[in-house]
Structure formats: C-alpha cells, structure tokens
Amino acid sequence: MYWDDWHGWGFHMMSWWGVFLMVFLIAMVVMLMSRSSSPTSANETPLDILKGRYARGEIDHDEFERRKRDLES
C-alpha cells in the first residue's frame, strides 16, 4: 500500500477531521441542551426567582425585603 506517500496521509488527516467534527458536534449538542434546561421556567414569577435567590443564600434578608417591596410597588 501507499503508507509513506500522500495517499495514506490524506486518509489519516480525514480520520482526524472526522474525530474533530464528532467531538465538536457532541459539544454543541451538550451546550444547547444545557441552555434549554435553565433553572428558571416560563411559569416562574419575579417573586419566585427572588425567593429562590434568598433560599440559596445569594442575597441577605434586608436585600430580599428591599427587592420584594420594589416588586410589589
């Protein structure tokens, strides 16, 4: 066979491009699936989101109350 000339090299390069393409496509699918399953849903109200942030400890009680008053007004 032609393992030491450009015929073998061309097949070898095509196989690496195929591997690269498959890894790229899998990464894109994983990224798109993770974006579509965001933690906030369409039925969640701003107050629900605020309560969630308070429950996770992202904001303290004073910040929660201030933002809650802002939402209610």
N, C-alpha and C. Protein backbone atom coordinates (compact mmCIF):
# COMPACT_ATOMS: atom_id res chain seq x y z
N MET A 1 0.82 -1.19 0.00
CA MET A 1 0.00 0.00 0.00
C MET A 1 0.87 1.26 0.00
N TYR A 2 0.22 2.39 0.03
CA TYR A 2 0.91 3.68 -0.05
C TYR A 2 0.96 4.35 1.31
N TRP A 3 1.53 3.71 2.29
CA TRP A 3 1.53 4.27 3.64
C TRP A 3 2.52 5.42 3.79
N ASP A 4 3.49 5.51 2.94
CA ASP A 4 4.51 6.55 3.11
C ASP A 4 4.35 7.71 2.13
N ASP A 5 3.29 7.74 1.35
CA ASP A 5 3.09 8.88 0.47
C ASP A 5 1.80 9.61 0.83
N TRP A 6 1.37 10.52 0.02
CA TRP A 6 0.25 11.40 0.36
C TRP A 6 -1.09 10.68 0.43
N HIS A 7 -1.23 9.50 -0.19
CA HIS A 7 -2.49 8.76 -0.12
C HIS A 7 -2.79 8.35 1.32
N GLY A 8 -1.83 7.77 1.98
CA GLY A 8 -2.01 7.38 3.38
C GLY A 8 -2.22 8.57 4.28
N TRP A 9 -1.48 9.64 4.03
CA TRP A 9 -1.59 10.86 4.83
C TRP A 9 -2.98 11.48 4.68
N GLY A 10 -3.51 11.46 3.47
CA GLY A 10 -4.83 12.02 3.24
C GLY A 10 -5.90 11.27 4.00
N PHE A 11 -5.83 9.96 4.03
CA PHE A 11 -6.80 9.17 4.79
C PHE A 11 -6.63 9.45 6.27
N HIS A 12 -5.40 9.55 6.71
CA HIS A 12 -5.12 9.82 8.12
C HIS A 12 -5.68 11.18 8.54
N MET A 13 -5.48 12.18 7.71
CA MET A 13 -5.99 13.52 8.03
C MET A 13 -7.52 13.54 8.00
N MET A 14 -8.13 12.82 7.07
CA MET A 14 -9.58 12.76 7.02
C MET A 14 -10.15 12.13 8.28
N SER A 15 -9.47 11.11 8.80
CA SER A 15 -9.97 10.47 10.01
C SER A 15 -9.86 11.42 11.20
N TRP A 16 -8.80 12.21 11.29
CA TRP A 16 -8.67 13.17 12.39
C TRP A 16 -9.71 14.27 12.27
N TRP A 17 -10.00 14.71 11.05
CA TRP A 17 -11.05 15.71 10.88
C TRP A 17 -12.41 15.14 11.27
N GLY A 18 -12.62 13.87 10.99
CA GLY A 18 -13.87 13.22 11.38
C GLY A 18 -14.01 13.17 12.89
N VAL A 19 -12.91 12.83 13.58
CA VAL A 19 -12.93 12.80 15.05
C VAL A 19 -13.19 14.21 15.59
N PHE A 20 -12.51 15.19 15.04
CA PHE A 20 -12.71 16.58 15.47
C PHE A 20 -14.15 17.01 15.25
N LEU A 21 -14.72 16.66 14.11
CA LEU A 21 -16.09 17.04 13.80
C LEU A 21 -17.07 16.38 14.77
N MET A 22 -16.86 15.13 15.10
CA MET A 22 -17.75 14.44 16.03
C MET A 22 -17.67 15.06 17.43
N VAL A 23 -16.46 15.36 17.90
CA VAL A 23 -16.31 15.99 19.22
C VAL A 23 -16.98 17.36 19.22
N PHE A 24 -16.81 18.11 18.16
CA PHE A 24 -17.42 19.43 18.06
C PHE A 24 -18.94 19.34 18.08
N LEU A 25 -19.49 18.39 17.32
CA LEU A 25 -20.95 18.25 17.28
C LEU A 25 -21.51 17.81 18.63
N ILE A 26 -20.83 16.90 19.30
CA ILE A 26 -21.28 16.47 20.62
C ILE A 26 -21.24 17.63 21.61
N ALA A 27 -20.17 18.43 21.56
CA ALA A 27 -20.07 19.58 22.46
C ALA A 27 -21.19 20.59 22.19
N MET A 28 -21.52 20.80 20.93
CA MET A 28 -22.59 21.74 20.60
C MET A 28 -23.94 21.23 21.11
N VAL A 29 -24.21 19.95 20.96
CA VAL A 29 -25.47 19.37 21.44
C VAL A 29 -25.56 19.50 22.95
N VAL A 30 -24.48 19.19 23.66
CA VAL A 30 -24.48 19.30 25.12
C VAL A 30 -24.71 20.74 25.54
N MET A 31 -24.05 21.68 24.87
CA MET A 31 -24.21 23.09 25.22
C MET A 31 -25.66 23.56 24.98
N LEU A 32 -26.23 23.18 23.86
CA LEU A 32 -27.60 23.59 23.56
C LEU A 32 -28.60 22.96 24.52
N MET A 33 -28.36 21.72 24.91
CA MET A 33 -29.27 21.07 25.86
C MET A 33 -29.17 21.71 27.23
N SER A 34 -27.98 22.11 27.64
CA SER A 34 -27.84 22.73 28.96
C SER A 34 -28.45 24.13 28.97
N ARG A 35 -28.42 24.83 27.86
CA ARG A 35 -29.03 26.16 27.79
C ARG A 35 -30.55 26.06 27.83
N SER A 36 -31.11 25.04 27.21
CA SER A 36 -32.57 24.92 27.14
C SER A 36 -33.16 24.48 28.47
N SER A 37 -32.36 23.85 29.32
CA SER A 37 -32.88 23.41 30.62
C SER A 37 -32.39 24.35 31.72
N SER A 38 -32.67 25.63 31.55
CA SER A 38 -32.26 26.61 32.54
C SER A 38 -33.10 26.45 33.81
N PRO A 39 -32.57 26.88 34.97
CA PRO A 39 -33.30 26.68 36.21
C PRO A 39 -34.58 27.49 36.32
N THR A 40 -34.73 28.54 35.55
CA THR A 40 -35.95 29.34 35.61
C THR A 40 -36.90 28.86 34.52
N SER A 41 -38.13 28.70 34.89
CA SER A 41 -39.12 28.26 33.91
C SER A 41 -40.00 29.43 33.50
N ALA A 42 -40.81 29.22 32.49
CA ALA A 42 -41.67 30.29 31.98
C ALA A 42 -42.78 30.64 32.98
N ASN A 43 -43.12 29.73 33.89
CA ASN A 43 -44.19 29.97 34.85
C ASN A 43 -43.70 30.65 36.13
N GLU A 44 -42.40 30.84 36.25
CA GLU A 44 -41.84 31.42 37.47
C GLU A 44 -42.00 32.94 37.46
N THR A 45 -42.52 33.48 38.54
CA THR A 45 -42.70 34.93 38.66
C THR A 45 -41.41 35.55 39.18
N PRO A 46 -41.25 36.85 39.04
CA PRO A 46 -40.08 37.51 39.61
C PRO A 46 -39.95 37.28 41.12
N LEU A 47 -41.08 37.21 41.82
CA LEU A 47 -41.04 36.95 43.26
C LEU A 47 -40.53 35.54 43.55
N ASP A 48 -40.90 34.57 42.72
CA ASP A 48 -40.39 33.21 42.88
C ASP A 48 -38.87 33.18 42.70
N ILE A 49 -38.39 33.89 41.70
CA ILE A 49 -36.95 33.95 41.46
C ILE A 49 -36.25 34.59 42.65
N LEU A 50 -36.83 35.67 43.18
CA LEU A 50 -36.26 36.35 44.34
C LEU A 50 -36.23 35.43 45.55
N LYS A 51 -37.30 34.69 45.76
CA LYS A 51 -37.34 33.73 46.88
C LYS A 51 -36.27 32.65 46.71
N GLY A 52 -36.07 32.21 45.50
CA GLY A 52 -35.04 31.21 45.23
C GLY A 52 -33.65 31.74 45.52
N ARG A 53 -33.39 32.97 45.13
CA ARG A 53 -32.07 33.57 45.40
C ARG A 53 -31.84 33.72 46.89
N TYR A 54 -32.89 34.08 47.64
CA TYR A 54 -32.79 34.19 49.10
C TYR A 54 -32.56 32.81 49.72
N ALA A 55 -33.26 31.81 49.23
CA ALA A 55 -33.11 30.45 49.76
C ALA A 55 -31.71 29.89 49.49
N ARG A 56 -31.11 30.26 48.36
CA ARG A 56 -29.76 29.78 48.04
C ARG A 56 -28.68 30.58 48.74
N GLY A 57 -29.08 31.67 49.42
CA GLY A 57 -28.10 32.49 50.14
C GLY A 57 -27.39 33.50 49.27
N GLU A 58 -27.90 33.77 48.08
CA GLU A 58 -27.28 34.74 47.19
C GLU A 58 -27.50 36.17 47.68
N ILE A 59 -28.60 36.40 48.37
CA ILE A 59 -28.89 37.73 48.93
C ILE A 59 -29.29 37.55 50.39
N ASP A 60 -29.08 38.61 51.18
CA ASP A 60 -29.45 38.53 52.60
C ASP A 60 -30.91 38.99 52.79
N HIS A 61 -31.36 38.97 54.06
CA HIS A 61 -32.75 39.28 54.37
C HIS A 61 -33.11 40.72 54.00
N ASP A 62 -32.23 41.66 54.32
CA ASP A 62 -32.51 43.07 54.01
C ASP A 62 -32.65 43.29 52.50
N GLU A 63 -31.75 42.68 51.74
CA GLU A 63 -31.83 42.81 50.28
C GLU A 63 -33.10 42.16 49.75
N PHE A 64 -33.48 41.01 50.32
CA PHE A 64 -34.71 40.34 49.92
C PHE A 64 -35.92 41.23 50.15
N GLU A 65 -36.00 41.82 51.35
CA GLU A 65 -37.15 42.68 51.68
C GLU A 65 -37.19 43.92 50.79
N ARG A 66 -36.03 44.52 50.53
CA ARG A 66 -35.98 45.72 49.69
C ARG A 66 -36.46 45.38 48.28
N ARG A 67 -35.97 44.30 47.72
CA ARG A 67 -36.37 43.94 46.36
C ARG A 67 -37.83 43.48 46.30
N LYS A 68 -38.29 42.85 47.36
CA LYS A 68 -39.68 42.43 47.41
C LYS A 68 -40.60 43.65 47.41
N ARG A 69 -40.25 44.68 48.18
CA ARG A 69 -41.04 45.93 48.18
C ARG A 69 -41.02 46.57 46.79
N ASP A 70 -39.86 46.54 46.14
CA ASP A 70 -39.76 47.10 44.78
C ASP A 70 -40.69 46.36 43.80
N LEU A 71 -40.76 45.05 43.96
CA LEU A 71 -41.62 44.27 43.06
C LEU A 71 -43.10 44.52 43.33
N GLU A 72 -43.46 44.74 44.60
CA GLU A 72 -44.87 44.92 44.94
C GLU A 72 -45.38 46.31 44.62
N SER A 73 -44.48 47.25 44.42
CA SER A 73 -44.95 48.61 44.12
C SER A 73 -45.08 48.88 42.65
